[in-house]
């Protein structure tokens, strides 16, 4: 692909390697020692530095991690309507992610481990919030559906109908 300068003319710098008889641009050896080799020789020192830094900044790291997971949780809850699909509860502290067809089919990672809680919310965000596989329920409705197969609110609706 021909690289152009701002004035629209071809940039001749990209052809310099051909002046020296190369068909392709030759690889340029690094002028500094390899970072990988340096890390390998200084591994213990780096571990000590990192451990000390984490100990000194424990509160900041904890707060950052909490904010990160809360933001993901709020995104997922908002994407699915922001309230329980069964009873209408809207207090975010009570809302959970529910696997519509159970965790057998959609509750495992690529390695086969079960995904629950925060990691399930991150996985749902990564998948683009699929409405057919997941929904938001309050904790009571989610537990009742898991134990009894149906939520008491659904049973009441079926009796009334």
N, C-alpha and C. Protein backbone atom coordinates (compact mmCIF):
# COMPACT_ATOMS: atom_id res chain seq x y z
N UNK A 1 0.85 -1.17 0.00
CA UNK A 1 0.00 0.00 0.00
C UNK A 1 0.89 1.24 0.00
N UNK A 2 0.58 2.18 -0.80
CA UNK A 2 1.37 3.38 -0.96
C UNK A 2 1.02 4.38 0.13
N UNK A 3 2.02 4.80 0.89
CA UNK A 3 1.80 5.77 1.95
C UNK A 3 1.95 7.17 1.35
N UNK A 4 1.03 8.07 1.68
CA UNK A 4 1.04 9.44 1.14
C UNK A 4 1.37 10.44 2.24
N UNK A 5 2.04 11.52 1.84
CA UNK A 5 2.31 12.62 2.77
C UNK A 5 1.07 13.50 2.84
N UNK A 6 1.13 14.54 3.71
CA UNK A 6 -0.02 15.43 3.88
C UNK A 6 -0.40 16.15 2.60
N UNK A 7 0.60 16.43 1.76
CA UNK A 7 0.30 17.16 0.52
C UNK A 7 -0.18 16.24 -0.60
N UNK A 8 -0.30 14.93 -0.33
CA UNK A 8 -0.83 14.00 -1.31
C UNK A 8 0.22 13.31 -2.15
N UNK A 9 1.49 13.71 -2.03
CA UNK A 9 2.57 13.08 -2.79
C UNK A 9 3.03 11.81 -2.10
N UNK A 10 3.59 10.84 -2.86
CA UNK A 10 4.05 9.60 -2.22
C UNK A 10 5.20 9.87 -1.25
N UNK A 11 5.19 9.15 -0.17
CA UNK A 11 6.25 9.27 0.84
C UNK A 11 7.37 8.31 0.45
N UNK A 12 8.53 8.86 0.08
CA UNK A 12 9.62 8.05 -0.43
C UNK A 12 10.35 7.31 0.68
N UNK A 13 10.13 7.67 1.94
CA UNK A 13 10.85 7.02 3.04
C UNK A 13 10.54 5.53 3.12
N UNK A 14 9.35 5.13 2.70
CA UNK A 14 9.00 3.73 2.81
C UNK A 14 9.76 2.87 1.80
N UNK A 15 10.39 3.47 0.80
CA UNK A 15 11.10 2.71 -0.21
C UNK A 15 12.61 2.66 0.05
N UNK A 16 13.10 3.25 1.13
CA UNK A 16 14.53 3.31 1.39
C UNK A 16 15.18 1.93 1.45
N UNK A 17 14.47 0.96 2.00
CA UNK A 17 15.07 -0.37 2.12
C UNK A 17 15.36 -0.97 0.74
N UNK A 18 14.62 -0.57 -0.29
CA UNK A 18 14.88 -1.08 -1.64
C UNK A 18 16.16 -0.49 -2.22
N UNK A 19 16.56 0.69 -1.75
CA UNK A 19 17.81 1.29 -2.22
C UNK A 19 19.00 0.42 -1.84
N UNK A 20 18.85 -0.29 -0.72
CA UNK A 20 19.96 -1.11 -0.24
C UNK A 20 19.88 -2.55 -0.73
N UNK A 21 18.93 -2.85 -1.62
CA UNK A 21 18.86 -4.16 -2.24
C UNK A 21 17.95 -5.15 -1.53
N UNK A 22 17.14 -4.70 -0.56
CA UNK A 22 16.22 -5.60 0.13
C UNK A 22 14.86 -5.57 -0.55
N UNK A 23 14.21 -6.73 -0.66
CA UNK A 23 12.85 -6.76 -1.19
C UNK A 23 11.85 -6.35 -0.12
N UNK A 24 12.12 -6.75 1.10
CA UNK A 24 11.25 -6.37 2.22
C UNK A 24 12.08 -5.61 3.23
N UNK A 25 11.41 -4.89 4.09
CA UNK A 25 12.10 -4.12 5.10
C UNK A 25 12.80 -5.06 6.06
N UNK A 26 14.12 -4.94 6.24
CA UNK A 26 14.82 -5.87 7.13
C UNK A 26 14.49 -5.61 8.59
N UNK A 27 14.49 -6.67 9.41
CA UNK A 27 14.21 -6.46 10.84
C UNK A 27 15.33 -5.68 11.49
N UNK A 28 14.96 -4.79 12.40
CA UNK A 28 15.94 -3.96 13.09
C UNK A 28 16.20 -4.57 14.46
N UNK A 29 17.45 -4.92 14.77
CA UNK A 29 17.72 -5.48 16.10
C UNK A 29 17.53 -4.42 17.18
N UNK A 30 17.06 -4.85 18.32
CA UNK A 30 16.82 -3.93 19.43
C UNK A 30 18.14 -3.38 19.95
N UNK A 31 18.14 -2.11 20.31
CA UNK A 31 19.33 -1.46 20.83
C UNK A 31 19.47 -1.61 22.34
N UNK A 32 18.44 -2.13 23.00
CA UNK A 32 18.50 -2.30 24.46
C UNK A 32 18.32 -3.77 24.80
N UNK A 33 18.76 -4.18 25.97
CA UNK A 33 18.62 -5.59 26.34
C UNK A 33 17.15 -5.99 26.46
N UNK A 34 16.91 -7.24 26.26
CA UNK A 34 15.54 -7.75 26.30
C UNK A 34 14.92 -7.59 27.68
N UNK A 35 13.70 -7.07 27.71
CA UNK A 35 13.00 -6.91 28.99
C UNK A 35 12.73 -8.28 29.61
N UNK A 36 12.41 -9.25 28.76
CA UNK A 36 12.12 -10.58 29.26
C UNK A 36 13.32 -11.16 30.02
N UNK A 37 14.51 -10.98 29.47
CA UNK A 37 15.72 -11.47 30.15
C UNK A 37 15.97 -10.71 31.45
N UNK A 38 15.73 -9.40 31.42
CA UNK A 38 15.91 -8.60 32.64
C UNK A 38 14.95 -9.03 33.73
N UNK A 39 13.69 -9.23 33.35
CA UNK A 39 12.68 -9.67 34.33
C UNK A 39 13.06 -11.03 34.90
N UNK A 40 13.57 -11.90 34.06
CA UNK A 40 13.95 -13.24 34.51
C UNK A 40 15.06 -13.18 35.55
N UNK A 41 16.03 -12.30 35.34
CA UNK A 41 17.14 -12.20 36.30
C UNK A 41 16.77 -11.43 37.55
N UNK A 42 15.75 -10.58 37.50
CA UNK A 42 15.37 -9.74 38.65
C UNK A 42 13.99 -10.11 39.20
N UNK A 43 13.57 -11.35 39.04
CA UNK A 43 12.22 -11.77 39.41
C UNK A 43 11.93 -11.55 40.89
N UNK A 44 12.81 -11.97 41.76
CA UNK A 44 12.59 -11.84 43.21
C UNK A 44 12.48 -10.37 43.60
N UNK A 45 13.32 -9.53 43.03
CA UNK A 45 13.30 -8.10 43.35
C UNK A 45 11.97 -7.49 42.90
N UNK A 46 11.50 -7.83 41.69
CA UNK A 46 10.22 -7.32 41.19
C UNK A 46 9.06 -7.79 42.05
N UNK A 47 9.09 -9.04 42.48
CA UNK A 47 8.02 -9.56 43.33
C UNK A 47 7.96 -8.79 44.64
N UNK A 48 9.11 -8.48 45.22
CA UNK A 48 9.15 -7.73 46.47
C UNK A 48 8.61 -6.31 46.27
N UNK A 49 9.02 -5.67 45.18
CA UNK A 49 8.53 -4.31 44.90
C UNK A 49 7.02 -4.31 44.72
N UNK A 50 6.50 -5.26 43.94
CA UNK A 50 5.05 -5.34 43.69
C UNK A 50 4.28 -5.63 44.97
N UNK A 51 4.80 -6.53 45.80
CA UNK A 51 4.13 -6.87 47.05
C UNK A 51 4.09 -5.67 47.99
N UNK A 52 5.21 -4.97 48.08
CA UNK A 52 5.25 -3.77 48.92
C UNK A 52 4.26 -2.72 48.43
N UNK A 53 4.20 -2.52 47.10
CA UNK A 53 3.28 -1.53 46.56
C UNK A 53 1.83 -1.91 46.84
N UNK A 54 1.49 -3.20 46.66
CA UNK A 54 0.12 -3.65 46.92
C UNK A 54 -0.24 -3.47 48.40
N UNK A 55 0.71 -3.74 49.30
CA UNK A 55 0.44 -3.56 50.73
C UNK A 55 0.25 -2.09 51.07
N UNK A 56 1.02 -1.20 50.44
CA UNK A 56 0.89 0.23 50.71
C UNK A 56 -0.39 0.81 50.13
N UNK A 57 -0.92 0.22 49.07
CA UNK A 57 -2.09 0.77 48.36
C UNK A 57 -3.30 -0.16 48.44
N UNK A 58 -3.42 -0.91 49.53
CA UNK A 58 -4.48 -1.91 49.66
C UNK A 58 -5.88 -1.29 49.58
N UNK A 59 -6.08 -0.15 50.27
CA UNK A 59 -7.41 0.49 50.27
C UNK A 59 -7.79 0.95 48.86
N UNK A 60 -6.83 1.55 48.15
CA UNK A 60 -7.11 2.02 46.80
C UNK A 60 -7.44 0.85 45.87
N UNK A 61 -6.67 -0.22 45.97
CA UNK A 61 -6.93 -1.39 45.12
C UNK A 61 -8.29 -2.00 45.41
N UNK A 62 -8.64 -2.09 46.69
CA UNK A 62 -9.94 -2.64 47.07
C UNK A 62 -11.07 -1.77 46.54
N UNK A 63 -10.94 -0.46 46.69
CA UNK A 63 -11.98 0.45 46.21
C UNK A 63 -12.10 0.39 44.69
N UNK A 64 -10.96 0.34 44.00
CA UNK A 64 -11.00 0.26 42.53
C UNK A 64 -11.67 -1.02 42.06
N UNK A 65 -11.34 -2.13 42.72
CA UNK A 65 -11.93 -3.42 42.33
C UNK A 65 -13.44 -3.42 42.60
N UNK A 66 -13.84 -2.87 43.74
CA UNK A 66 -15.26 -2.81 44.08
C UNK A 66 -16.01 -1.95 43.08
N UNK A 67 -15.44 -0.79 42.71
CA UNK A 67 -16.08 0.08 41.73
C UNK A 67 -16.18 -0.60 40.36
N UNK A 68 -15.14 -1.33 39.97
CA UNK A 68 -15.13 -2.03 38.69
C UNK A 68 -16.28 -3.04 38.63
N UNK A 69 -16.41 -3.88 39.65
CA UNK A 69 -17.46 -4.90 39.64
C UNK A 69 -18.84 -4.29 39.80
N UNK A 70 -18.98 -3.22 40.59
CA UNK A 70 -20.28 -2.55 40.73
C UNK A 70 -20.72 -1.93 39.41
N UNK A 71 -19.77 -1.37 38.65
CA UNK A 71 -20.12 -0.80 37.35
C UNK A 71 -20.61 -1.87 36.39
N UNK A 72 -19.94 -3.02 36.37
CA UNK A 72 -20.39 -4.12 35.50
C UNK A 72 -21.78 -4.58 35.93
N UNK A 73 -21.98 -4.74 37.24
CA UNK A 73 -23.28 -5.20 37.75
C UNK A 73 -24.39 -4.22 37.37
N UNK A 74 -24.14 -2.92 37.54
CA UNK A 74 -25.15 -1.91 37.19
C UNK A 74 -25.44 -1.90 35.70
N UNK A 75 -24.41 -2.08 34.86
CA UNK A 75 -24.63 -2.15 33.42
C UNK A 75 -25.54 -3.32 33.05
N UNK A 76 -25.27 -4.48 33.65
CA UNK A 76 -26.07 -5.67 33.34
C UNK A 76 -27.51 -5.48 33.81
N UNK A 77 -27.68 -4.98 35.01
CA UNK A 77 -29.04 -4.79 35.54
C UNK A 77 -29.80 -3.78 34.69
N UNK A 78 -29.16 -2.68 34.32
CA UNK A 78 -29.82 -1.68 33.48
C UNK A 78 -30.15 -2.23 32.10
N UNK A 79 -29.26 -3.07 31.55
CA UNK A 79 -29.51 -3.64 30.22
C UNK A 79 -30.72 -4.57 30.22
N UNK A 80 -30.99 -5.20 31.33
CA UNK A 80 -32.14 -6.12 31.42
C UNK A 80 -33.38 -5.48 32.04
N UNK A 81 -33.42 -4.17 32.13
CA UNK A 81 -34.65 -3.50 32.55
C UNK A 81 -34.60 -2.90 33.93
N UNK A 82 -33.69 -3.30 34.79
CA UNK A 82 -33.53 -2.66 36.09
C UNK A 82 -34.50 -3.12 37.17
N UNK A 83 -35.30 -4.15 36.91
CA UNK A 83 -36.18 -4.67 37.97
C UNK A 83 -36.42 -6.16 37.77
N UNK A 84 -36.93 -6.80 38.82
CA UNK A 84 -37.20 -8.24 38.79
C UNK A 84 -38.27 -8.54 37.74
N UNK A 85 -38.02 -9.51 36.88
CA UNK A 85 -38.97 -9.86 35.83
C UNK A 85 -40.20 -10.56 36.38
N UNK A 86 -40.13 -11.01 37.62
CA UNK A 86 -41.25 -11.75 38.20
C UNK A 86 -42.12 -10.85 39.09
N UNK A 87 -41.50 -10.22 40.10
CA UNK A 87 -42.30 -9.46 41.07
C UNK A 87 -42.15 -7.96 40.91
N UNK A 88 -41.19 -7.49 40.12
CA UNK A 88 -41.05 -6.06 39.88
C UNK A 88 -40.15 -5.33 40.86
N UNK A 89 -39.46 -6.03 41.74
CA UNK A 89 -38.54 -5.40 42.70
C UNK A 89 -37.49 -4.59 41.95
N UNK A 90 -37.26 -3.33 42.37
CA UNK A 90 -36.32 -2.48 41.63
C UNK A 90 -35.11 -2.06 42.45
N UNK A 91 -35.02 -2.47 43.71
CA UNK A 91 -33.85 -2.14 44.53
C UNK A 91 -32.69 -3.01 44.06
N UNK A 92 -31.63 -2.36 43.53
CA UNK A 92 -30.52 -3.10 42.91
C UNK A 92 -29.79 -4.00 43.89
N UNK A 93 -29.90 -3.72 45.17
CA UNK A 93 -29.22 -4.57 46.16
C UNK A 93 -29.81 -5.97 46.20
N UNK A 94 -31.07 -6.14 45.79
CA UNK A 94 -31.73 -7.44 45.85
C UNK A 94 -31.70 -8.20 44.53
N UNK A 95 -31.28 -7.55 43.45
CA UNK A 95 -31.39 -8.15 42.12
C UNK A 95 -30.20 -9.03 41.79
N UNK A 96 -30.48 -10.15 41.10
CA UNK A 96 -29.44 -11.10 40.70
C UNK A 96 -29.66 -11.49 39.24
N UNK A 97 -28.63 -12.07 38.66
CA UNK A 97 -28.71 -12.57 37.30
C UNK A 97 -29.21 -14.01 37.34
N UNK A 98 -30.19 -14.32 36.51
CA UNK A 98 -30.76 -15.66 36.51
C UNK A 98 -30.57 -16.29 35.15
N UNK A 99 -30.13 -17.55 35.13
CA UNK A 99 -29.99 -18.32 33.89
C UNK A 99 -31.37 -18.90 33.56
N UNK A 100 -31.95 -18.48 32.46
CA UNK A 100 -33.31 -18.87 32.12
C UNK A 100 -33.44 -20.39 32.02
N UNK A 101 -32.47 -21.05 31.41
CA UNK A 101 -32.54 -22.50 31.23
C UNK A 101 -31.67 -23.24 32.23
N UNK A 102 -31.27 -22.60 33.28
CA UNK A 102 -30.40 -23.22 34.28
C UNK A 102 -28.94 -23.10 33.90
N UNK A 103 -28.07 -23.39 34.86
CA UNK A 103 -26.64 -23.26 34.60
C UNK A 103 -26.09 -24.43 33.80
N UNK A 104 -26.87 -25.47 33.60
CA UNK A 104 -26.38 -26.63 32.84
C UNK A 104 -25.95 -26.22 31.44
N UNK A 105 -26.76 -25.39 30.79
CA UNK A 105 -26.49 -25.05 29.39
C UNK A 105 -25.67 -23.78 29.21
N UNK A 106 -25.92 -22.77 30.04
CA UNK A 106 -25.30 -21.46 29.79
C UNK A 106 -24.51 -20.95 30.98
N UNK A 107 -24.21 -21.78 31.94
CA UNK A 107 -23.53 -21.30 33.13
C UNK A 107 -22.12 -21.80 33.27
N UNK A 108 -21.46 -22.10 32.16
CA UNK A 108 -20.09 -22.61 32.23
C UNK A 108 -19.18 -21.82 31.31
N UNK A 109 -17.93 -21.73 31.72
CA UNK A 109 -16.94 -21.03 30.91
C UNK A 109 -16.43 -21.98 29.83
N UNK A 110 -15.50 -21.49 29.03
CA UNK A 110 -14.92 -22.32 27.96
C UNK A 110 -14.15 -23.51 28.54
N UNK A 111 -13.63 -23.37 29.76
CA UNK A 111 -12.89 -24.47 30.38
C UNK A 111 -13.80 -25.45 31.09
N UNK A 112 -15.10 -25.15 31.18
CA UNK A 112 -16.05 -26.06 31.81
C UNK A 112 -16.36 -25.72 33.26
N UNK A 113 -15.73 -24.69 33.81
CA UNK A 113 -16.02 -24.32 35.20
C UNK A 113 -17.33 -23.56 35.28
N UNK A 114 -18.03 -23.71 36.41
CA UNK A 114 -19.28 -22.99 36.60
C UNK A 114 -18.99 -21.50 36.80
N UNK A 115 -19.81 -20.66 36.18
CA UNK A 115 -19.66 -19.21 36.32
C UNK A 115 -20.86 -18.70 37.10
N UNK A 116 -20.59 -18.05 38.20
CA UNK A 116 -21.67 -17.47 39.00
C UNK A 116 -21.23 -16.08 39.46
N UNK A 117 -22.18 -15.33 39.99
CA UNK A 117 -21.87 -14.05 40.61
C UNK A 117 -21.30 -13.03 39.66
N UNK A 118 -20.22 -12.38 40.10
CA UNK A 118 -19.62 -11.28 39.35
C UNK A 118 -19.11 -11.73 37.98
N UNK A 119 -18.50 -12.90 37.94
CA UNK A 119 -17.94 -13.37 36.67
C UNK A 119 -19.04 -13.69 35.67
N UNK A 120 -20.19 -14.14 36.15
CA UNK A 120 -21.32 -14.38 35.25
C UNK A 120 -21.80 -13.06 34.65
N UNK A 121 -21.82 -12.02 35.46
CA UNK A 121 -22.24 -10.71 34.95
C UNK A 121 -21.25 -10.21 33.90
N UNK A 122 -19.95 -10.40 34.15
CA UNK A 122 -18.95 -9.98 33.17
C UNK A 122 -19.09 -10.79 31.87
N UNK A 123 -19.41 -12.07 31.99
CA UNK A 123 -19.59 -12.91 30.81
C UNK A 123 -20.82 -12.46 30.01
N UNK A 124 -21.89 -12.10 30.71
CA UNK A 124 -23.10 -11.62 30.04
C UNK A 124 -22.80 -10.33 29.29
N UNK A 125 -22.03 -9.45 29.91
CA UNK A 125 -21.65 -8.20 29.24
C UNK A 125 -20.82 -8.51 27.99
N UNK A 126 -19.88 -9.45 28.11
CA UNK A 126 -19.03 -9.82 26.98
C UNK A 126 -19.87 -10.40 25.83
N UNK A 127 -20.92 -11.15 26.17
CA UNK A 127 -21.78 -11.76 25.15
C UNK A 127 -22.75 -10.76 24.52
N UNK A 128 -22.86 -9.56 25.08
CA UNK A 128 -23.75 -8.55 24.51
C UNK A 128 -25.15 -8.59 25.08
N UNK A 129 -25.31 -9.02 26.33
CA UNK A 129 -26.59 -9.05 27.04
C UNK A 129 -27.67 -9.84 26.30
N UNK A 130 -27.46 -11.15 26.08
CA UNK A 130 -28.48 -11.95 25.38
C UNK A 130 -29.75 -12.09 26.22
N UNK A 131 -30.87 -11.66 25.67
CA UNK A 131 -32.15 -11.67 26.42
C UNK A 131 -32.77 -13.06 26.49
N UNK A 132 -32.38 -13.97 25.59
CA UNK A 132 -33.00 -15.29 25.57
C UNK A 132 -32.40 -16.24 26.61
N UNK A 133 -31.17 -15.98 27.08
CA UNK A 133 -30.50 -16.90 28.00
C UNK A 133 -30.50 -16.43 29.45
N UNK A 134 -30.61 -15.11 29.67
CA UNK A 134 -30.50 -14.56 31.02
C UNK A 134 -31.60 -13.56 31.27
N UNK A 135 -31.91 -13.37 32.56
CA UNK A 135 -32.86 -12.35 32.97
C UNK A 135 -32.48 -11.90 34.38
N UNK A 136 -33.09 -10.82 34.83
CA UNK A 136 -32.85 -10.31 36.18
C UNK A 136 -34.03 -10.68 37.05
N UNK A 137 -33.74 -11.32 38.18
CA UNK A 137 -34.74 -11.64 39.18
C UNK A 137 -34.23 -11.17 40.54
N UNK A 138 -35.16 -10.94 41.46
CA UNK A 138 -34.72 -10.64 42.82
C UNK A 138 -34.22 -11.96 43.43
N UNK A 139 -33.49 -11.85 44.51
CA UNK A 139 -32.88 -13.04 45.10
C UNK A 139 -33.94 -14.07 45.51
N UNK A 140 -35.06 -13.61 46.07
CA UNK A 140 -36.12 -14.55 46.50
C UNK A 140 -36.72 -15.31 45.32
N UNK A 141 -37.02 -14.60 44.25
CA UNK A 141 -37.61 -15.25 43.07
C UNK A 141 -36.61 -16.21 42.44
N UNK A 142 -35.33 -15.83 42.39
CA UNK A 142 -34.30 -16.66 41.80
C UNK A 142 -34.13 -17.95 42.60
N UNK A 143 -34.10 -17.84 43.93
CA UNK A 143 -33.94 -19.04 44.77
C UNK A 143 -35.16 -19.95 44.66
N UNK A 144 -36.35 -19.35 44.68
CA UNK A 144 -37.57 -20.16 44.58
C UNK A 144 -37.63 -20.89 43.24
N UNK A 145 -37.25 -20.21 42.17
CA UNK A 145 -37.26 -20.85 40.86
C UNK A 145 -36.24 -21.98 40.81
N UNK A 146 -35.08 -21.79 41.45
CA UNK A 146 -34.06 -22.83 41.47
C UNK A 146 -34.47 -24.03 42.30
N UNK A 147 -35.16 -23.81 43.42
CA UNK A 147 -35.53 -24.91 44.32
C UNK A 147 -36.82 -25.60 43.88
N UNK A 148 -37.85 -24.81 43.59
CA UNK A 148 -39.17 -25.37 43.31
C UNK A 148 -39.52 -25.44 41.82
N UNK A 149 -38.70 -24.84 40.97
CA UNK A 149 -38.99 -24.86 39.54
C UNK A 149 -39.80 -23.68 39.08
N UNK A 150 -40.57 -23.09 39.98
CA UNK A 150 -41.37 -21.90 39.67
C UNK A 150 -41.36 -20.98 40.87
N UNK A 151 -41.47 -19.71 40.60
CA UNK A 151 -41.55 -18.72 41.66
C UNK A 151 -42.98 -18.69 42.20
N UNK A 152 -43.19 -18.44 43.50
CA UNK A 152 -44.55 -18.34 44.04
C UNK A 152 -45.40 -17.29 43.31
N UNK A 153 -44.78 -16.23 42.80
CA UNK A 153 -45.55 -15.23 42.05
C UNK A 153 -46.11 -15.82 40.77
N UNK A 154 -45.37 -16.67 40.11
CA UNK A 154 -45.86 -17.33 38.89
C UNK A 154 -47.00 -18.29 39.22
N UNK A 155 -46.86 -19.02 40.33
CA UNK A 155 -47.92 -19.96 40.74
C UNK A 155 -49.21 -19.20 41.04
N UNK A 156 -49.10 -18.05 41.74
CA UNK A 156 -50.28 -17.23 42.04
C UNK A 156 -50.94 -16.74 40.76
N UNK A 157 -50.15 -16.30 39.79
CA UNK A 157 -50.70 -15.83 38.52
C UNK A 157 -51.43 -16.95 37.78
N UNK A 158 -50.86 -18.16 37.83
CA UNK A 158 -51.51 -19.29 37.15
C UNK A 158 -52.81 -19.67 37.84
N UNK A 159 -52.88 -19.55 39.15
CA UNK A 159 -54.11 -19.87 39.89
C UNK A 159 -55.19 -18.87 39.57
N UNK A 160 -54.81 -17.57 39.51
CA UNK A 160 -55.78 -16.52 39.20
C UNK A 160 -56.30 -16.62 37.77
N UNK A 161 -55.47 -17.09 36.86
CA UNK A 161 -55.87 -17.12 35.45
C UNK A 161 -56.79 -18.27 35.10
